[in-house]
């Protein structure tokens, strides 16, 4: 949680608001929260859909 505590108060609000929206859309349950936070911290690579060699994910 150091990364979160290191954010400005305004950025903390933005992160929490985004998590609320994500959880609401996914109909998340309490047990889903840690995974949601982990995904927010480590978003997919900008080239989602393929790896460095151009191969499709999956």
PDB file of N, CA and C in Angstrom:
ATOM      1  N   UNK A   1       0.807  -1.191   0.000  1.00  0.00           N
ATOM      2  CA  UNK A   1       0.000   0.000   0.000  1.00  0.00           C
ATOM      3  C   UNK A   1       0.854   1.260   0.000  1.00  0.00           C
ATOM      4  N   UNK A   2       2.187   1.102   0.014  1.00  0.00           N
ATOM      5  CA  UNK A   2       3.054   2.284  -0.029  1.00  0.00           C
ATOM      6  C   UNK A   2       2.771   3.137  -1.245  1.00  0.00           C
ATOM      7  N   UNK A   3       2.538   2.487  -2.380  1.00  0.00           N
ATOM      8  CA  UNK A   3       2.294   3.238  -3.611  1.00  0.00           C
ATOM      9  C   UNK A   3       1.063   4.116  -3.448  1.00  0.00           C
ATOM     10  N   UNK A   4       0.038   3.608  -2.781  1.00  0.00           N
ATOM     11  CA  UNK A   4      -1.202   4.364  -2.590  1.00  0.00           C
ATOM     12  C   UNK A   4      -0.969   5.521  -1.623  1.00  0.00           C
ATOM     13  N   UNK A   5      -0.307   5.241  -0.515  1.00  0.00           N
ATOM     14  CA  UNK A   5      -0.043   6.274   0.475  1.00  0.00           C
ATOM     15  C   UNK A   5       0.871   7.364  -0.073  1.00  0.00           C
ATOM     16  N   UNK A   6       1.672   7.032  -1.077  1.00  0.00           N
ATOM     17  CA  UNK A   6       2.563   8.010  -1.689  1.00  0.00           C
ATOM     18  C   UNK A   6       1.867   8.947  -2.663  1.00  0.00           C
ATOM     19  N   UNK A   7       0.619   8.642  -3.000  1.00  0.00           N
ATOM     20  CA  UNK A   7      -0.144   9.495  -3.924  1.00  0.00           C
ATOM     21  C   UNK A   7      -0.670  10.727  -3.204  1.00  0.00           C
ATOM     22  N   UNK A   8      -0.927  11.771  -3.967  1.00  0.00           N
ATOM     23  CA  UNK A   8      -1.564  12.958  -3.389  1.00  0.00           C
ATOM     24  C   UNK A   8      -2.986  12.583  -2.966  1.00  0.00           C
ATOM     25  N   UNK A   9      -3.572  13.383  -2.121  1.00  0.00           N
ATOM     26  CA  UNK A   9      -4.937  13.115  -1.657  1.00  0.00           C
ATOM     27  C   UNK A   9      -5.906  13.062  -2.839  1.00  0.00           C
ATOM     28  N   UNK A  10      -5.714  13.946  -3.801  1.00  0.00           N
ATOM     29  CA  UNK A  10      -6.585  13.966  -4.986  1.00  0.00           C
ATOM     30  C   UNK A  10      -6.433  12.682  -5.795  1.00  0.00           C
ATOM     31  N   UNK A  11      -5.195  12.228  -5.980  1.00  0.00           N
ATOM     32  CA  UNK A  11      -4.966  10.990  -6.728  1.00  0.00           C
ATOM     33  C   UNK A  11      -5.508   9.776  -5.973  1.00  0.00           C
ATOM     34  N   UNK A  12      -5.414   9.781  -4.640  1.00  0.00           N
ATOM     35  CA  UNK A  12      -5.994   8.694  -3.858  1.00  0.00           C
ATOM     36  C   UNK A  12      -7.500   8.627  -4.095  1.00  0.00           C
ATOM     37  N   UNK A  13      -8.152   9.781  -4.117  1.00  0.00           N
ATOM     38  CA  UNK A  13      -9.603   9.805  -4.384  1.00  0.00           C
ATOM     39  C   UNK A  13      -9.910   9.234  -5.766  1.00  0.00           C
ATOM     40  N   UNK A  14      -9.099   9.601  -6.752  1.00  0.00           N
ATOM     41  CA  UNK A  14      -9.317   9.109  -8.114  1.00  0.00           C
ATOM     42  C   UNK A  14      -9.168   7.592  -8.181  1.00  0.00           C
ATOM     43  N   UNK A  15      -8.148   7.057  -7.505  1.00  0.00           N
ATOM     44  CA  UNK A  15      -7.930   5.606  -7.490  1.00  0.00           C
ATOM     45  C   UNK A  15      -9.110   4.902  -6.837  1.00  0.00           C
ATOM     46  N   UNK A  16      -9.540   5.410  -5.693  1.00  0.00           N
ATOM     47  CA  UNK A  16     -10.662   4.783  -4.992  1.00  0.00           C
ATOM     48  C   UNK A  16     -11.935   4.859  -5.817  1.00  0.00           C
ATOM     49  N   UNK A  17     -12.159   5.965  -6.474  1.00  0.00           N
ATOM     50  CA  UNK A  17     -13.353   6.114  -7.316  1.00  0.00           C
ATOM     51  C   UNK A  17     -13.307   5.103  -8.465  1.00  0.00           C
ATOM     52  N   UNK A  18     -12.148   4.949  -9.090  1.00  0.00           N
ATOM     53  CA  UNK A  18     -12.015   3.989 -10.187  1.00  0.00           C
ATOM     54  C   UNK A  18     -12.280   2.570  -9.689  1.00  0.00           C
ATOM     55  N   UNK A  19     -11.759   2.232  -8.507  1.00  0.00           N
ATOM     56  CA  UNK A  19     -11.989   0.896  -7.963  1.00  0.00           C
ATOM     57  C   UNK A  19     -13.462   0.658  -7.666  1.00  0.00           C
ATOM     58  N   UNK A  20     -14.142   1.676  -7.157  1.00  0.00           N
ATOM     59  CA  UNK A  20     -15.585   1.560  -6.893  1.00  0.00           C
ATOM     60  C   UNK A  20     -16.321   1.277  -8.198  1.00  0.00           C
ATOM     61  N   UNK A  21     -15.979   1.999  -9.245  1.00  0.00           N
ATOM     62  CA  UNK A  21     -16.642   1.792 -10.540  1.00  0.00           C
ATOM     63  C   UNK A  21     -16.345   0.398 -11.096  1.00  0.00           C
ATOM     64  N   UNK A  22     -15.084  -0.019 -11.034  1.00  0.00           N
ATOM     65  CA  UNK A  22     -14.712  -1.340 -11.533  1.00  0.00           C
ATOM     66  C   UNK A  22     -15.460  -2.438 -10.787  1.00  0.00           C
ATOM     67  N   UNK A  23     -15.480  -2.324  -9.461  1.00  0.00           N
ATOM     68  CA  UNK A  23     -16.144  -3.341  -8.649  1.00  0.00           C
ATOM     69  C   UNK A  23     -17.642  -3.357  -8.903  1.00  0.00           C
ATOM     70  N   UNK A  24     -18.240  -2.190  -9.069  1.00  0.00           N
ATOM     71  CA  UNK A  24     -19.676  -2.118  -9.345  1.00  0.00           C
ATOM     72  C   UNK A  24     -20.029  -2.744 -10.677  1.00  0.00           C
ATOM     73  N   UNK A  25     -19.211  -2.494 -11.685  1.00  0.00           N
ATOM     74  CA  UNK A  25     -19.473  -3.051 -13.003  1.00  0.00           C
ATOM     75  C   UNK A  25     -19.311  -4.563 -13.001  1.00  0.00           C
ATOM     76  N   UNK A  26     -18.373  -5.053 -12.224  1.00  0.00           N
ATOM     77  CA  UNK A  26     -18.090  -6.483 -12.202  1.00  0.00           C
ATOM     78  C   UNK A  26     -18.951  -7.234 -11.190  1.00  0.00           C
ATOM     79  N   UNK A  27     -19.754  -6.485 -10.454  1.00  0.00           N
ATOM     80  CA  UNK A  27     -20.539  -7.072  -9.369  1.00  0.00           C
ATOM     81  C   UNK A  27     -19.618  -7.858  -8.431  1.00  0.00           C
ATOM     82  N   UNK A  28     -18.516  -7.206  -8.087  1.00  0.00           N
ATOM     83  CA  UNK A  28     -17.499  -7.843  -7.268  1.00  0.00           C
ATOM     84  C   UNK A  28     -17.995  -8.102  -5.854  1.00  0.00           C
ATOM     85  N   UNK A  29     -17.384  -9.107  -5.265  1.00  0.00           N
ATOM     86  CA  UNK A  29     -17.643  -9.448  -3.870  1.00  0.00           C
ATOM     87  C   UNK A  29     -16.396  -9.100  -3.071  1.00  0.00           C
ATOM     88  N   UNK A  30     -16.509  -9.127  -1.775  1.00  0.00           N
ATOM     89  CA  UNK A  30     -15.400  -8.733  -0.905  1.00  0.00           C
ATOM     90  C   UNK A  30     -14.114  -9.493  -1.225  1.00  0.00           C
ATOM     91  N   UNK A  31     -14.218 -10.765  -1.542  1.00  0.00           N
ATOM     92  CA  UNK A  31     -13.048 -11.568  -1.845  1.00  0.00           C
ATOM     93  C   UNK A  31     -12.349 -11.182  -3.136  1.00  0.00           C
ATOM     94  N   UNK A  32     -13.011 -10.409  -4.000  1.00  0.00           N
ATOM     95  CA  UNK A  32     -12.435  -9.991  -5.272  1.00  0.00           C
ATOM     96  C   UNK A  32     -11.563  -8.746  -5.144  1.00  0.00           C
ATOM     97  N   UNK A  33     -11.648  -8.062  -4.013  1.00  0.00           N
ATOM     98  CA  UNK A  33     -10.966  -6.777  -3.852  1.00  0.00           C
ATOM     99  C   UNK A  33      -9.450  -6.885  -4.000  1.00  0.00           C
ATOM    100  N   UNK A  34      -8.768  -7.834  -3.341  1.00  0.00           N
ATOM    101  CA  UNK A  34      -7.307  -7.896  -3.490  1.00  0.00           C
ATOM    102  C   UNK A  34      -6.858  -8.060  -4.947  1.00  0.00           C
ATOM    103  N   UNK A  35      -7.556  -8.871  -5.713  1.00  0.00           N
ATOM    104  CA  UNK A  35      -7.180  -9.051  -7.127  1.00  0.00           C
ATOM    105  C   UNK A  35      -7.396  -7.764  -7.908  1.00  0.00           C
ATOM    106  N   UNK A  36      -8.487  -7.079  -7.625  1.00  0.00           N
ATOM    107  CA  UNK A  36      -8.768  -5.819  -8.301  1.00  0.00           C
ATOM    108  C   UNK A  36      -7.666  -4.803  -8.039  1.00  0.00           C
ATOM    109  N   UNK A  37      -7.221  -4.724  -6.800  1.00  0.00           N
ATOM    110  CA  UNK A  37      -6.147  -3.791  -6.442  1.00  0.00           C
ATOM    111  C   UNK A  37      -4.859  -4.181  -7.155  1.00  0.00           C
ATOM    112  N   UNK A  38      -4.557  -5.471  -7.193  1.00  0.00           N
ATOM    113  CA  UNK A  38      -3.342  -5.933  -7.862  1.00  0.00           C
ATOM    114  C   UNK A  38      -3.382  -5.602  -9.350  1.00  0.00           C
ATOM    115  N   UNK A  39      -4.525  -5.781  -9.986  1.00  0.00           N
ATOM    116  CA  UNK A  39      -4.643  -5.468 -11.418  1.00  0.00           C
ATOM    117  C   UNK A  39      -4.511  -3.977 -11.672  1.00  0.00           C
ATOM    118  N   UNK A  40      -5.036  -3.172 -10.760  1.00  0.00           N
ATOM    119  CA  UNK A  40      -4.935  -1.722 -10.918  1.00  0.00           C
ATOM    120  C   UNK A  40      -3.480  -1.282 -10.813  1.00  0.00           C
ATOM    121  N   UNK A  41      -2.741  -1.925  -9.922  1.00  0.00           N
ATOM    122  CA  UNK A  41      -1.324  -1.592  -9.735  1.00  0.00           C
ATOM    123  C   UNK A  41      -0.489  -2.021 -10.923  1.00  0.00           C
ATOM    124  N   UNK A  42      -0.878  -3.112 -11.571  1.00  0.00           N
ATOM    125  CA  UNK A  42      -0.107  -3.674 -12.684  1.00  0.00           C
ATOM    126  C   UNK A  42      -1.028  -3.862 -13.886  1.00  0.00           C
ATOM    127  N   UNK A  43      -1.380  -2.760 -14.561  1.00  0.00           N
ATOM    128  CA  UNK A  43      -2.283  -2.888 -15.701  1.00  0.00           C
ATOM    129  C   UNK A  43      -1.644  -3.689 -16.838  1.00  0.00           C
ATOM    130  N   UNK A  44      -2.456  -4.184 -17.765  1.00  0.00           N
ATOM    131  CA  UNK A  44      -1.914  -4.938 -18.900  1.00  0.00           C
ATOM    132  C   UNK A  44      -0.941  -4.078 -19.709  1.00  0.00           C
ATOM    133  N   UNK A  45      -0.078  -4.739 -20.424  1.00  0.00           N
ATOM    134  CA  UNK A  45       0.863  -4.027 -21.285  1.00  0.00           C
ATOM    135  C   UNK A  45       0.095  -3.242 -22.344  1.00  0.00           C
ATOM    136  N   UNK A  46       0.649  -2.105 -22.786  1.00  0.00           N
ATOM    137  CA  UNK A  46      -0.052  -1.289 -23.788  1.00  0.00           C
ATOM    138  C   UNK A  46      -0.299  -2.018 -25.106  1.00  0.00           C
ATOM    139  N   UNK A  47       0.473  -3.058 -25.359  1.00  0.00           N
ATOM    140  CA  UNK A  47       0.300  -3.808 -26.602  1.00  0.00           C
ATOM    141  C   UNK A  47      -0.541  -5.059 -26.362  1.00  0.00           C
ATOM    142  N   UNK A  48      -1.523  -4.974 -25.482  1.00  0.00           N
ATOM    143  CA  UNK A  48      -2.366  -6.133 -25.167  1.00  0.00           C
ATOM    144  C   UNK A  48      -2.891  -6.750 -26.446  1.00  0.00           C
ATOM    145  N   UNK A  49      -2.887  -8.065 -26.492  1.00  0.00           N
ATOM    146  CA  UNK A  49      -3.348  -8.771 -27.676  1.00  0.00           C
ATOM    147  C   UNK A  49      -2.236  -9.520 -28.370  1.00  0.00           C
ATOM    148  N   UNK A  50      -1.010  -9.313 -27.945  1.00  0.00           N
ATOM    149  CA  UNK A  50       0.103 -10.033 -28.544  1.00  0.00           C
ATOM    150  C   UNK A  50       1.356  -9.847 -27.715  1.00  0.00           C
ATOM    151  N   UNK A  51       2.318 -10.740 -27.904  1.00  0.00           N
ATOM    152  CA  UNK A  51       3.547 -10.605 -27.159  1.00  0.00           C
ATOM    153  C   UNK A  51       4.602  -9.880 -27.999  1.00  0.00           C
ATOM    154  N   UNK A  52       5.813  -9.799 -27.497  1.00  0.00           N
ATOM    155  CA  UNK A  52       6.863  -9.055 -28.188  1.00  0.00           C
ATOM    156  C   UNK A  52       7.166  -9.635 -29.575  1.00  0.00           C
ATOM    157  N   UNK A  53       6.889 -10.932 -29.757  1.00  0.00           N
ATOM    158  CA  UNK A  53       7.136 -11.567 -31.054  1.00  0.00           C
ATOM    159  C   UNK A  53       5.966 -11.443 -32.009  1.00  0.00           C
ATOM    160  N   UNK A  54       4.899 -10.775 -31.551  1.00  0.00           N
ATOM    161  CA  UNK A  54       3.737 -10.605 -32.408  1.00  0.00           C
ATOM    162  C   UNK A  54       2.740 -11.740 -32.329  1.00  0.00           C
ATOM    163  N   UNK A  55       2.946 -12.696 -31.422  1.00  0.00           N
ATOM    164  CA  UNK A  55       2.041 -13.812 -31.269  1.00  0.00           C
ATOM    165  C   UNK A  55       0.822 -13.405 -30.465  1.00  0.00           C
ATOM    166  N   UNK A  56      -0.327 -13.869 -30.857  1.00  0.00           N
ATOM    167  CA  UNK A  56      -1.563 -13.542 -30.153  1.00  0.00           C
ATOM    168  C   UNK A  56      -1.568 -14.192 -28.780  1.00  0.00           C
ATOM    169  N   UNK A  57      -2.154 -13.477 -27.796  1.00  0.00           N
ATOM    170  CA  UNK A  57      -2.312 -14.063 -26.461  1.00  0.00           C
ATOM    171  C   UNK A  57      -3.317 -15.190 -26.524  1.00  0.00           C
ATOM    172  N   UNK A  58      -3.187 -16.101 -25.600  1.00  0.00           N
ATOM    173  CA  UNK A  58      -4.218 -17.111 -25.491  1.00  0.00           C
ATOM    174  C   UNK A  58      -3.706 -18.460 -25.557  1.00  0.00           C
TER     175      UNK A  58
END
